[in-house]
Amino acid sequence: MRKRKLGNSGLEVSAIGLGCMGMSFGYGTISDEKEMIRMMRKAVEMGVTFFDTAEVYGPFINEELVGKALEPFKNEVVIATKFGFDIQDGKTMGLNSRPDNIKKVAEASLKRLKIDAIDLFYQHRVDPNVPIEDVAGAVKDLIQQGKVKHFGLSEAGVQNIRKAHAVQPVAALQSEYSLWWRELEAEILPAIEELGIGLVPYSPLGKGFLTGKISEDTSFDSADFRSTVPRLSTENMQANRAFVVLLEQMAARKNATAAQIALAWLLAQKPWIVPIPGTTKLHRLEENIGGDSIILSPEELAEIEVGASKIKVAGERYSEESQKMIDR
């Protein structure tokens, strides 16, 4: 697989990474540990060098899983994890990006991930109770101590990105971005391009919807976070199906799948964009990686643009409660 650099940071990773959250968090099930370890190691064999986790996924068990799987390759891969929540007795109690908590989380994550330094340490969500300059300063201390290599933000707005970057250069912003969710294009993409910050889109396949494998007939388990996503209600999925049709039409011409076209479209937007689709299935991993080999011509990209501009997205991307944690 081709490599990409996240902005001006010098951090080089595979063009497509692997989001590991769903292996043990978010979808109401915990996948078989041995199978997930086998899949992550297979990903390394296929050229994936960028793996994403967080302390809150579980909590903690996803980091432990990633640590076990990648221990033999820890000098060959880039592992990103995140801080920013208050976790007590295994329960997430809200946001907490106080400097003392950041440093405590870093120490614990290093042990769980079985590494000497965290390659990319993101603030998971902006904490309105802690100045972003203090957050950046705490990570700067960790970088100076050799415990962290690069600083990242997730779902941060332009003002906080600029403030943080002035204290400690931000290597990457992780935020949702796909053909189905393009709010970043108005202000955030121009700002991070100006500052030399890379973008790591999560949910690049629209939480699975853009693959075409989810339809209005799909029923989500109550423990699956997607059951709370307004955009994935039966009524809204019927309206949003037009995005899948658009991708499938291009996929048929390119001898590809809708998922591969969705990823190829993202890769074509900027050379410093690295999507991290998640999966628990080896054949889906192989399919997603194949998105890197699909090259969309300027004419094809323009065709997708025209088609997408005619579709009105139905439904919010998160529940009202989750929206409160998004910095705007």
C-alpha atoms as a PDB file:
ATOM      1  CA  MET A   1       0.000   0.000   0.000  1.00  0.00           C
ATOM      2  CA  ARG A   2       1.076   3.560  -0.650  1.00  0.00           C
ATOM      3  CA  LYS A   3       2.252   5.775   2.207  1.00  0.00           C
ATOM      4  CA  ARG A   4       1.156   9.282   3.161  1.00  0.00           C
ATOM      5  CA  LYS A   5       2.469  11.956   5.507  1.00  0.00           C
ATOM      6  CA  LEU A   6       0.112  13.589   7.982  1.00  0.00           C
ATOM      7  CA  GLY A   7       0.622  17.252   7.178  1.00  0.00           C
ATOM      8  CA  ASN A   8       4.006  18.771   7.993  1.00  0.00           C
ATOM      9  CA  SER A   9       4.602  16.528  11.004  1.00  0.00           C
ATOM     10  CA  GLY A  10       6.745  14.017   9.120  1.00  0.00           C
ATOM     11  CA  LEU A  11       4.559  11.225  10.503  1.00  0.00           C
ATOM     12  CA  GLU A  12       4.318   8.710   7.648  1.00  0.00           C
ATOM     13  CA  VAL A  13       1.595   6.057   7.640  1.00  0.00           C
ATOM     14  CA  SER A  14      -0.189   3.751   5.226  1.00  0.00           C
ATOM     15  CA  ALA A  15      -2.699   5.560   3.000  1.00  0.00           C
ATOM     16  CA  ILE A  16      -5.510   3.657   4.719  1.00  0.00           C
ATOM     17  CA  GLY A  17      -5.354   2.799   8.418  1.00  0.00           C
ATOM     18  CA  LEU A  18      -7.414   0.486  10.603  1.00  0.00           C
ATOM     19  CA  GLY A  19      -9.895   1.742  13.173  1.00  0.00           C
ATOM     20  CA  CYS A  20      -9.955  -0.845  15.951  1.00  0.00           C
ATOM     21  CA  MET A  21     -12.834   0.472  18.099  1.00  0.00           C
ATOM     22  CA  GLY A  22     -15.507  -1.885  16.806  1.00  0.00           C
ATOM     23  CA  MET A  23     -13.537  -4.967  17.772  1.00  0.00           C
ATOM     24  CA  SER A  24     -14.483  -4.473  21.409  1.00  0.00           C
ATOM     25  CA  PHE A  25     -16.692  -1.403  21.737  1.00  0.00           C
ATOM     26  CA  GLY A  26     -19.642   0.426  20.240  1.00  0.00           C
ATOM     27  CA  TYR A  27     -21.533  -2.283  18.423  1.00  0.00           C
ATOM     28  CA  GLY A  28     -22.885  -4.275  21.356  1.00  0.00           C
ATOM     29  CA  THR A  29     -20.540  -7.228  20.882  1.00  0.00           C
ATOM     30  CA  ILE A  30     -16.931  -8.041  21.704  1.00  0.00           C
ATOM     31  CA  SER A  31     -15.220  -9.950  18.917  1.00  0.00           C
ATOM     32  CA  ASP A  32     -13.118 -13.044  19.509  1.00  0.00           C
ATOM     33  CA  GLU A  33      -9.703 -11.892  20.720  1.00  0.00           C
ATOM     34  CA  LYS A  34      -7.693 -14.470  18.791  1.00  0.00           C
ATOM     35  CA  GLU A  35      -9.497 -13.646  15.552  1.00  0.00           C
ATOM     36  CA  MET A  36      -8.936  -9.912  15.997  1.00  0.00           C
ATOM     37  CA  ILE A  37      -5.243 -10.419  16.783  1.00  0.00           C
ATOM     38  CA  ARG A  38      -4.953 -12.568  13.674  1.00  0.00           C
ATOM     39  CA  MET A  39      -6.713  -9.904  11.589  1.00  0.00           C
ATOM     40  CA  MET A  40      -4.539  -7.028  12.836  1.00  0.00           C
ATOM     41  CA  ARG A  41      -1.401  -9.016  12.095  1.00  0.00           C
ATOM     42  CA  LYS A  42      -2.776  -9.821   8.645  1.00  0.00           C
ATOM     43  CA  ALA A  43      -3.346  -6.079   8.158  1.00  0.00           C
ATOM     44  CA  VAL A  44       0.337  -5.467   8.863  1.00  0.00           C
ATOM     45  CA  GLU A  45       1.236  -8.113   6.271  1.00  0.00           C
ATOM     46  CA  MET A  46      -0.977  -6.306   3.744  1.00  0.00           C
ATOM     47  CA  GLY A  47       0.762  -2.986   4.325  1.00  0.00           C
ATOM     48  CA  VAL A  48      -1.325  -1.291   7.015  1.00  0.00           C
ATOM     49  CA  THR A  49       0.957   0.645   9.369  1.00  0.00           C
ATOM     50  CA  PHE A  50      -1.598   2.899  11.109  1.00  0.00           C
ATOM     51  CA  PHE A  51      -3.826   1.582  13.911  1.00  0.00           C
ATOM     52  CA  ASP A  52      -6.332   3.599  15.937  1.00  0.00           C
ATOM     53  CA  THR A  53      -7.622   2.924  19.444  1.00  0.00           C
ATOM     54  CA  ALA A  54      -8.556   4.822  22.647  1.00  0.00           C
ATOM     55  CA  GLU A  55      -8.631   4.223  26.396  1.00  0.00           C
ATOM     56  CA  VAL A  56     -12.400   4.752  26.445  1.00  0.00           C
ATOM     57  CA  TYR A  57     -13.051   1.888  24.011  1.00  0.00           C
ATOM     58  CA  GLY A  58     -14.131  -0.733  26.479  1.00  0.00           C
ATOM     59  CA  PRO A  59     -12.907   1.077  28.543  1.00  0.00           C
ATOM     60  CA  PHE A  60      -9.326  -0.154  28.279  1.00  0.00           C
ATOM     61  CA  ILE A  61      -9.861  -3.540  26.598  1.00  0.00           C
ATOM     62  CA  ASN A  62      -9.354  -2.224  23.079  1.00  0.00           C
ATOM     63  CA  GLU A  63      -5.944  -0.800  23.925  1.00  0.00           C
ATOM     64  CA  GLU A  64      -5.015  -4.120  25.549  1.00  0.00           C
ATOM     65  CA  LEU A  65      -6.121  -5.984  22.415  1.00  0.00           C
ATOM     66  CA  VAL A  66      -4.134  -3.697  20.109  1.00  0.00           C
ATOM     67  CA  GLY A  67      -1.112  -4.008  22.387  1.00  0.00           C
ATOM     68  CA  LYS A  68      -1.180  -7.809  22.244  1.00  0.00           C
ATOM     69  CA  ALA A  69      -1.732  -7.916  18.491  1.00  0.00           C
ATOM     70  CA  LEU A  70       0.941  -5.430  17.502  1.00  0.00           C
ATOM     71  CA  GLU A  71       3.659  -6.178  20.054  1.00  0.00           C
ATOM     72  CA  PRO A  72       5.744  -8.097  17.453  1.00  0.00           C
ATOM     73  CA  PHE A  73       5.495  -5.131  15.064  1.00  0.00           C
ATOM     74  CA  LYS A  74       5.677  -2.199  17.471  1.00  0.00           C
ATOM     75  CA  ASN A  75       8.713  -0.718  15.727  1.00  0.00           C
ATOM     76  CA  GLU A  76       7.086  -1.045  12.302  1.00  0.00           C
ATOM     77  CA  VAL A  77       3.660   0.480  12.919  1.00  0.00           C
ATOM     78  CA  VAL A  78       2.125   3.732  14.145  1.00  0.00           C
ATOM     79  CA  ILE A  79      -0.340   3.382  17.014  1.00  0.00           C
ATOM     80  CA  ALA A  80      -2.695   6.246  17.810  1.00  0.00           C
ATOM     81  CA  THR A  81      -4.683   6.425  21.022  1.00  0.00           C
ATOM     82  CA  LYS A  82      -6.732   9.075  22.827  1.00  0.00           C
ATOM     83  CA  PHE A  83      -7.289  10.734  26.192  1.00  0.00           C
ATOM     84  CA  GLY A  84      -9.926  13.092  27.516  1.00  0.00           C
ATOM     85  CA  PHE A  85     -12.510  11.190  29.523  1.00  0.00           C
ATOM     86  CA  ASP A  86     -13.075  10.655  33.222  1.00  0.00           C
ATOM     87  CA  ILE A  87     -13.241   6.892  33.715  1.00  0.00           C
ATOM     88  CA  GLN A  88     -14.124   5.581  37.170  1.00  0.00           C
ATOM     89  CA  ASP A  89     -14.671   1.913  38.034  1.00  0.00           C
ATOM     90  CA  GLY A  90     -14.806   1.062  34.350  1.00  0.00           C
ATOM     91  CA  LYS A  91     -17.508   3.646  33.612  1.00  0.00           C
ATOM     92  CA  THR A  92     -17.174   6.831  31.563  1.00  0.00           C
ATOM     93  CA  MET A  93     -18.308   9.738  33.724  1.00  0.00           C
ATOM     94  CA  GLY A  94     -17.758  12.630  31.305  1.00  0.00           C
ATOM     95  CA  LEU A  95     -14.897  14.686  29.925  1.00  0.00           C
ATOM     96  CA  ASN A  96     -11.595  15.199  31.710  1.00  0.00           C
ATOM     97  CA  SER A  97      -8.624  16.778  29.956  1.00  0.00           C
ATOM     98  CA  ARG A  98      -6.927  18.177  33.035  1.00  0.00           C
ATOM     99  CA  PRO A  99      -3.142  17.961  32.636  1.00  0.00           C
ATOM    100  CA  ASP A 100      -2.746  15.562  35.564  1.00  0.00           C
ATOM    101  CA  ASN A 101      -5.290  13.200  34.010  1.00  0.00           C
ATOM    102  CA  ILE A 102      -3.633  13.412  30.578  1.00  0.00           C
ATOM    103  CA  LYS A 103      -0.317  12.345  32.064  1.00  0.00           C
ATOM    104  CA  LYS A 104      -1.941   9.551  34.081  1.00  0.00           C
ATOM    105  CA  VAL A 105      -3.712   8.256  30.953  1.00  0.00           C
ATOM    106  CA  ALA A 106      -0.464   8.335  28.972  1.00  0.00           C
ATOM    107  CA  GLU A 107       1.306   6.125  31.517  1.00  0.00           C
ATOM    108  CA  ALA A 108      -1.566   3.622  31.572  1.00  0.00           C
ATOM    109  CA  SER A 109      -1.900   3.561  27.769  1.00  0.00           C
ATOM    110  CA  LEU A 110       1.825   2.908  27.343  1.00  0.00           C
ATOM    111  CA  LYS A 111       1.520  -0.194  29.526  1.00  0.00           C
ATOM    112  CA  ARG A 112      -1.619  -1.501  27.830  1.00  0.00           C
ATOM    113  CA  LEU A 113      -0.190  -0.917  24.351  1.00  0.00           C
ATOM    114  CA  LYS A 114       3.171  -2.437  25.330  1.00  0.00           C
ATOM    115  CA  ILE A 115       5.123   0.444  23.759  1.00  0.00           C
ATOM    116  CA  ASP A 116       7.770   2.899  24.911  1.00  0.00           C
ATOM    117  CA  ALA A 117       6.172   5.973  23.319  1.00  0.00           C
ATOM    118  CA  ILE A 118       2.693   6.773  21.971  1.00  0.00           C
ATOM    119  CA  ASP A 119       3.078   7.623  18.275  1.00  0.00           C
ATOM    120  CA  LEU A 120       0.012   9.878  18.111  1.00  0.00           C
ATOM    121  CA  PHE A 121      -1.870  11.028  21.210  1.00  0.00           C
ATOM    122  CA  TYR A 122      -5.224  12.680  20.495  1.00  0.00           C
ATOM    123  CA  GLN A 123      -7.481  14.671  22.752  1.00  0.00           C
ATOM    124  CA  HIS A 124     -10.648  12.631  22.157  1.00  0.00           C
ATOM    125  CA  ARG A 125     -13.060  15.527  22.608  1.00  0.00           C
ATOM    126  CA  VAL A 126     -12.456  19.162  23.498  1.00  0.00           C
ATOM    127  CA  ASP A 127     -13.086  19.729  27.214  1.00  0.00           C
ATOM    128  CA  PRO A 128     -14.820  23.101  27.717  1.00  0.00           C
ATOM    129  CA  ASN A 129     -13.634  23.159  31.337  1.00  0.00           C
ATOM    130  CA  VAL A 130      -9.919  23.023  30.490  1.00  0.00           C
ATOM    131  CA  PRO A 131      -8.163  25.654  28.341  1.00  0.00           C
ATOM    132  CA  ILE A 132      -6.892  23.997  25.170  1.00  0.00           C
ATOM    133  CA  GLU A 133      -3.518  25.672  25.775  1.00  0.00           C
ATOM    134  CA  ASP A 134      -3.198  23.672  29.022  1.00  0.00           C
ATOM    135  CA  VAL A 135      -4.025  20.471  27.145  1.00  0.00           C
ATOM    136  CA  ALA A 136      -1.408  21.204  24.489  1.00  0.00           C
ATOM    137  CA  GLY A 137       1.102  22.097  27.189  1.00  0.00           C
ATOM    138  CA  ALA A 138       0.573  18.779  28.969  1.00  0.00           C
ATOM    139  CA  VAL A 139       1.140  16.829  25.756  1.00  0.00           C
ATOM    140  CA  LYS A 140       4.174  18.993  25.009  1.00  0.00           C
ATOM    141  CA  ASP A 141       5.618  17.899  28.359  1.00  0.00           C
ATOM    142  CA  LEU A 142       4.996  14.256  27.454  1.00  0.00           C
ATOM    143  CA  ILE A 143       6.708  14.754  24.087  1.00  0.00           C
ATOM    144  CA  GLN A 144       9.725  16.330  25.781  1.00  0.00           C
ATOM    145  CA  GLN A 145       9.840  13.333  28.147  1.00  0.00           C
ATOM    146  CA  GLY A 146       9.853  10.942  25.176  1.00  0.00           C
ATOM    147  CA  LYS A 147       6.526   9.340  26.145  1.00  0.00           C
ATOM    148  CA  VAL A 148       4.592  10.750  23.185  1.00  0.00           C
ATOM    149  CA  LYS A 149       5.791  11.480  19.640  1.00  0.00           C
ATOM    150  CA  HIS A 150       2.942  13.487  18.096  1.00  0.00           C
ATOM    151  CA  PHE A 151      -0.072  15.488  19.322  1.00  0.00           C
ATOM    152  CA  GLY A 152      -3.533  15.182  17.799  1.00  0.00           C
ATOM    153  CA  LEU A 153      -7.023  16.579  18.261  1.00  0.00           C
ATOM    154  CA  SER A 154     -10.391  14.981  17.523  1.00  0.00           C
ATOM    155  CA  GLU A 155     -13.585  16.787  16.514  1.00  0.00           C
ATOM    156  CA  ALA A 156     -12.034  20.150  17.418  1.00  0.00           C
ATOM    157  CA  GLY A 157     -13.202  23.454  15.945  1.00  0.00           C
ATOM    158  CA  VAL A 158     -10.961  25.952  14.145  1.00  0.00           C
ATOM    159  CA  GLN A 159     -10.441  28.269  17.116  1.00  0.00           C
ATOM    160  CA  ASN A 160      -9.230  25.489  19.403  1.00  0.00           C
ATOM    161  CA  ILE A 161      -7.084  23.946  16.675  1.00  0.00           C
ATOM    162  CA  ARG A 162      -5.263  27.258  16.238  1.00  0.00           C
ATOM    163  CA  LYS A 163      -4.823  27.814  19.980  1.00  0.00           C
ATOM    164  CA  ALA A 164      -3.478  24.308  20.563  1.00  0.00           C
ATOM    165  CA  HIS A 165      -1.200  24.394  17.533  1.00  0.00           C
ATOM    166  CA  ALA A 166       0.411  27.607  18.807  1.00  0.00           C
ATOM    167  CA  VAL A 167       1.532  25.781  21.975  1.00  0.00           C
ATOM    168  CA  GLN A 168       2.408  22.354  20.539  1.00  0.00           C
ATOM    169  CA  PRO A 169       2.215  21.633  16.783  1.00  0.00           C
ATOM    170  CA  VAL A 170      -0.768  19.409  16.008  1.00  0.00           C
ATOM    171  CA  ALA A 171       0.144  16.533  13.689  1.00  0.00           C
ATOM    172  CA  ALA A 172      -3.374  15.372  12.889  1.00  0.00           C
ATOM    173  CA  LEU A 173      -7.025  16.126  13.368  1.00  0.00           C
ATOM    174  CA  GLN A 174      -9.313  13.115  13.602  1.00  0.00           C
ATOM    175  CA  SER A 175     -12.885  13.957  12.685  1.00  0.00           C
ATOM    176  CA  GLU A 176     -15.751  12.404  10.801  1.00  0.00           C
ATOM    177  CA  TYR A 177     -15.500  13.014   7.068  1.00  0.00           C
ATOM    178  CA  SER A 178     -17.009  11.191   4.123  1.00  0.00           C
ATOM    179  CA  LEU A 179     -19.112  11.815   1.049  1.00  0.00           C
ATOM    180  CA  TRP A 180     -22.015  11.672   3.520  1.00  0.00           C
ATOM    181  CA  TRP A 181     -20.633  14.203   6.035  1.00  0.00           C
ATOM    182  CA  ARG A 182     -18.754  17.178   4.609  1.00  0.00           C
ATOM    183  CA  GLU A 183     -19.127  19.954   7.179  1.00  0.00           C
ATOM    184  CA  LEU A 184     -15.327  20.117   7.558  1.00  0.00           C
ATOM    185  CA  GLU A 185     -14.903  21.511   4.053  1.00  0.00           C
ATOM    186  CA  ALA A 186     -16.200  24.990   4.896  1.00  0.00           C
ATOM    187  CA  GLU A 187     -13.700  26.103   7.562  1.00  0.00           C
ATOM    188  CA  ILE A 188     -11.743  23.224   9.063  1.00  0.00           C
ATOM    189  CA  LEU A 189     -10.053  21.791   5.956  1.00  0.00           C
ATOM    190  CA  PRO A 190      -8.719  25.214   4.838  1.00  0.00           C
ATOM    191  CA  ALA A 191      -7.443  25.911   8.363  1.00  0.00           C
ATOM    192  CA  ILE A 192      -5.586  22.646   8.824  1.00  0.00           C
ATOM    193  CA  GLU A 193      -4.140  22.873   5.322  1.00  0.00           C
ATOM    194  CA  GLU A 194      -2.800  26.325   6.190  1.00  0.00           C
ATOM    195  CA  LEU A 195      -1.299  25.003   9.442  1.00  0.00           C
ATOM    196  CA  GLY A 196       0.135  21.821   7.914  1.00  0.00           C
ATOM    197  CA  ILE A 197      -2.054  19.433   9.919  1.00  0.00           C
ATOM    198  CA  GLY A 198      -3.109  16.064   8.521  1.00  0.00           C
ATOM    199  CA  LEU A 199      -6.685  14.763   8.590  1.00  0.00           C
ATOM    200  CA  VAL A 200      -7.666  11.298   9.786  1.00  0.00           C
ATOM    201  CA  PRO A 201     -11.320  10.718   8.853  1.00  0.00           C
ATOM    202  CA  TYR A 202     -13.182   8.271  11.061  1.00  0.00           C
ATOM    203  CA  SER A 203     -16.451   6.726   9.830  1.00  0.00           C
ATOM    204  CA  PRO A 204     -15.215   7.194   6.237  1.00  0.00           C
ATOM    205  CA  LEU A 205     -17.859   4.654   5.183  1.00  0.00           C
ATOM    206  CA  GLY A 206     -20.692   6.388   7.013  1.00  0.00           C
ATOM    207  CA  LYS A 207     -20.773   3.897   9.920  1.00  0.00           C
ATOM    208  CA  GLY A 208     -21.138   1.165   7.317  1.00  0.00           C
ATOM    209  CA  PHE A 209     -24.012   2.746   5.398  1.00  0.00           C
ATOM    210  CA  LEU A 210     -21.957   3.762   2.351  1.00  0.00           C
ATOM    211  CA  THR A 211     -20.927   0.143   1.772  1.00  0.00           C
ATOM    212  CA  GLY A 212     -24.449  -0.644   0.629  1.00  0.00           C
ATOM    213  CA  LYS A 213     -24.654  -3.495   3.152  1.00  0.00           C
ATOM    214  CA  ILE A 214     -26.982  -1.588   5.497  1.00  0.00           C
ATOM    215  CA  SER A 215     -30.524  -0.750   4.435  1.00  0.00           C
ATOM    216  CA  GLU A 216     -33.844   0.333   5.909  1.00  0.00           C
ATOM    217  CA  ASP A 217     -34.454  -3.348   6.626  1.00  0.00           C
ATOM    218  CA  THR A 218     -31.400  -3.501   8.904  1.00  0.00           C
ATOM    219  CA  SER A 219     -32.200  -3.631  12.599  1.00  0.00           C
ATOM    220  CA  PHE A 220     -29.510  -2.567  15.075  1.00  0.00           C
ATOM    221  CA  ASP A 221     -29.171  -4.124  18.521  1.00  0.00           C
ATOM    222  CA  SER A 222     -30.042  -1.683  21.320  1.00  0.00           C
ATOM    223  CA  ALA A 223     -26.409  -1.930  22.517  1.00  0.00           C
ATOM    224  CA  ASP A 224     -25.176  -0.890  19.046  1.00  0.00           C
ATOM    225  CA  PHE A 225     -24.539   2.873  19.098  1.00  0.00           C
ATOM    226  CA  ARG A 226     -25.894   3.109  15.554  1.00  0.00           C
ATOM    227  CA  SER A 227     -29.386   2.447  16.946  1.00  0.00           C
ATOM    228  CA  THR A 228     -29.238   6.025  18.336  1.00  0.00           C
ATOM    229  CA  VAL A 229     -27.975   7.697  15.141  1.00  0.00           C
ATOM    230  CA  PRO A 230     -30.812   9.732  13.574  1.00  0.00           C
ATOM    231  CA  ARG A 231     -29.270   9.455  10.122  1.00  0.00           C
ATOM    232  CA  LEU A 232     -29.616   5.668  10.328  1.00  0.00           C
ATOM    233  CA  SER A 233     -33.309   5.579  11.183  1.00  0.00           C
ATOM    234  CA  THR A 234     -35.459   3.568   8.762  1.00  0.00           C
ATOM    235  CA  GLU A 235     -37.024   6.674   7.251  1.00  0.00           C
ATOM    236  CA  ASN A 236     -33.748   8.544   6.841  1.00  0.00           C
ATOM    237  CA  MET A 237     -31.934   5.549   5.373  1.00  0.00           C
ATOM    238  CA  GLN A 238     -34.538   5.391   2.627  1.00  0.00           C
ATOM    239  CA  ALA A 239     -33.798   9.027   1.722  1.00  0.00           C
ATOM    240  CA  ASN A 240     -30.027   8.607   2.062  1.00  0.00           C
ATOM    241  CA  ARG A 241     -29.947   5.532  -0.153  1.00  0.00           C
ATOM    242  CA  ALA A 242     -29.243   7.902  -3.065  1.00  0.00           C
ATOM    243  CA  PHE A 243     -25.621   8.235  -1.852  1.00  0.00           C
ATOM    244  CA  VAL A 244     -25.148   4.467  -2.043  1.00  0.00           C
ATOM    245  CA  VAL A 245     -26.649   4.360  -5.540  1.00  0.00           C
ATOM    246  CA  LEU A 246     -24.229   7.077  -6.652  1.00  0.00           C
ATOM    247  CA  LEU A 247     -21.255   5.110  -5.304  1.00  0.00           C
ATOM    248  CA  GLU A 248     -22.496   1.820  -6.731  1.00  0.00           C
ATOM    249  CA  GLN A 249     -22.888   3.323 -10.203  1.00  0.00           C
ATOM    250  CA  MET A 250     -19.253   4.469 -10.180  1.00  0.00           C
ATOM    251  CA  ALA A 251     -18.134   1.179  -8.627  1.00  0.00           C
ATOM    252  CA  ALA A 252     -19.706  -0.813 -11.468  1.00  0.00           C
ATOM    253  CA  ARG A 253     -17.658   1.147 -14.007  1.00  0.00           C
ATOM    254  CA  LYS A 254     -14.419   0.851 -12.025  1.00  0.00           C
ATOM    255  CA  ASN A 255     -14.750  -2.862 -11.205  1.00  0.00           C
ATOM    256  CA  ALA A 256     -14.805  -1.911  -7.542  1.00  0.00           C
ATOM    257  CA  THR A 257     -17.200  -1.807  -4.598  1.00  0.00           C
ATOM    258  CA  ALA A 258     -19.125   1.126  -3.170  1.00  0.00           C
ATOM    259  CA  ALA A 259     -16.844   1.077  -0.105  1.00  0.00           C
ATOM    260  CA  GLN A 260     -13.733   1.267  -2.280  1.00  0.00           C
ATOM    261  CA  ILE A 261     -15.126   4.227  -4.228  1.00  0.00           C
ATOM    262  CA  ALA A 262     -16.025   6.019  -0.976  1.00  0.00           C
ATOM    263  CA  LEU A 263     -12.441   5.570   0.270  1.00  0.00           C
ATOM    264  CA  ALA A 264     -10.889   6.470  -3.096  1.00  0.00           C
ATOM    265  CA  TRP A 265     -12.973   9.660  -3.114  1.00  0.00           C
ATOM    266  CA  LEU A 266     -11.581  10.620   0.307  1.00  0.00           C
ATOM    267  CA  LEU A 267      -7.990   9.883  -0.724  1.00  0.00           C
ATOM    268  CA  ALA A 268      -8.460  12.068  -3.799  1.00  0.00           C
ATOM    269  CA  GLN A 269      -9.492  15.117  -1.777  1.00  0.00           C
ATOM    270  CA  LYS A 270      -6.054  15.904  -0.291  1.00  0.00           C
ATOM    271  CA  PRO A 271      -2.696  14.064  -0.131  1.00  0.00           C
ATOM    272  CA  TRP A 272      -2.601  14.444   3.656  1.00  0.00           C
ATOM    273  CA  ILE A 273      -5.907  12.659   4.318  1.00  0.00           C
ATOM    274  CA  VAL A 274      -5.688   9.136   5.815  1.00  0.00           C
ATOM    275  CA  PRO A 275      -9.029   7.401   6.475  1.00  0.00           C
ATOM    276  CA  ILE A 276      -9.322   4.715   9.156  1.00  0.00           C
ATOM    277  CA  PRO A 277     -12.241   2.419   8.289  1.00  0.00           C
ATOM    278  CA  GLY A 278     -12.961  -0.148  10.977  1.00  0.00           C
ATOM    279  CA  THR A 279     -13.982  -3.759  10.541  1.00  0.00           C
ATOM    280  CA  THR A 280     -13.995  -7.102  12.321  1.00  0.00           C
ATOM    281  CA  LYS A 281     -14.011  -9.158   9.115  1.00  0.00           C
ATOM    282  CA  LEU A 282     -10.916 -10.091   7.108  1.00  0.00           C
ATOM    283  CA  HIS A 283     -12.659  -9.884   3.732  1.00  0.00           C
ATOM    284  CA  ARG A 284     -13.841  -6.359   4.542  1.00  0.00           C
ATOM    285  CA  LEU A 285     -10.300  -5.412   5.559  1.00  0.00           C
ATOM    286  CA  GLU A 286      -9.041  -6.652   2.203  1.00  0.00           C
ATOM    287  CA  GLU A 287     -11.831  -4.762   0.428  1.00  0.00           C
ATOM    288  CA  ASN A 288     -11.064  -1.518   2.257  1.00  0.00           C
ATOM    289  CA  ILE A 289      -7.342  -1.753   1.561  1.00  0.00           C
ATOM    290  CA  GLY A 290      -8.259  -2.165  -2.112  1.00  0.00           C
ATOM    291  CA  GLY A 291      -9.623   1.368  -2.039  1.00  0.00           C
ATOM    292  CA  ASP A 292      -6.045   2.640  -2.208  1.00  0.00           C
ATOM    293  CA  SER A 293      -5.611   1.142  -5.677  1.00  0.00           C
ATOM    294  CA  ILE A 294      -8.693   2.860  -7.144  1.00  0.00           C
ATOM    295  CA  ILE A 295      -7.751   6.088  -8.904  1.00  0.00           C
ATOM    296  CA  LEU A 296     -10.618   8.442  -9.726  1.00  0.00           C
ATOM    297  CA  SER A 297      -9.993  10.792 -12.661  1.00  0.00           C
ATOM    298  CA  PRO A 298     -10.831  14.516 -12.424  1.00  0.00           C
ATOM    299  CA  GLU A 299     -13.855  13.813 -14.621  1.00  0.00           C
ATOM    300  CA  GLU A 300     -15.047  10.992 -12.364  1.00  0.00           C
ATOM    301  CA  LEU A 301     -14.559  13.118  -9.252  1.00  0.00           C
ATOM    302  CA  ALA A 302     -16.538  15.916 -10.892  1.00  0.00           C
ATOM    303  CA  GLU A 303     -19.296  13.442 -11.732  1.00  0.00           C
ATOM    304  CA  ILE A 304     -19.490  12.295  -8.113  1.00  0.00           C
ATOM    305  CA  GLU A 305     -19.520  15.929  -6.981  1.00  0.00           C
ATOM    306  CA  VAL A 306     -22.422  16.809  -9.261  1.00  0.00           C
ATOM    307  CA  GLY A 307     -24.354  13.718  -8.197  1.00  0.00           C
ATOM    308  CA  ALA A 308     -23.779  14.307  -4.473  1.00  0.00           C
ATOM    309  CA  SER A 309     -24.767  17.978  -4.737  1.00  0.00           C
ATOM    310  CA  LYS A 310     -28.261  16.912  -5.816  1.00  0.00           C
ATOM    311  CA  ILE A 311     -28.821  14.747  -2.726  1.00  0.00           C
ATOM    312  CA  LYS A 312     -30.095  16.229   0.514  1.00  0.00           C
ATOM    313  CA  VAL A 313     -28.785  14.382   3.575  1.00  0.00           C
ATOM    314  CA  ALA A 314     -31.565  13.234   5.885  1.00  0.00           C
ATOM    315  CA  GLY A 315     -30.974  13.149   9.644  1.00  0.00           C
ATOM    316  CA  GLU A 316     -28.308  14.313  12.082  1.00  0.00           C
ATOM    317  CA  ARG A 317     -25.098  12.297  12.330  1.00  0.00           C
ATOM    318  CA  TYR A 318     -25.299  11.856  16.122  1.00  0.00           C
ATOM    319  CA  SER A 319     -27.862  11.765  18.891  1.00  0.00           C
ATOM    320  CA  GLU A 320     -28.482  15.024  20.737  1.00  0.00           C
ATOM    321  CA  GLU A 321     -26.449  13.799  23.718  1.00  0.00           C
ATOM    322  CA  SER A 322     -23.417  12.920  21.589  1.00  0.00           C
ATOM    323  CA  GLN A 323     -23.652  16.196  19.676  1.00  0.00           C
ATOM    324  CA  LYS A 324     -22.979  18.062  22.919  1.00  0.00           C
ATOM    325  CA  MET A 325     -19.403  16.738  22.903  1.00  0.00           C
ATOM    326  CA  ILE A 326     -18.610  18.106  19.433  1.00  0.00           C
ATOM    327  CA  ASP A 327     -16.601  21.347  19.486  1.00  0.00           C
ATOM    328  CA  ARG A 328     -17.895  23.944  17.071  1.00  0.00           C
END
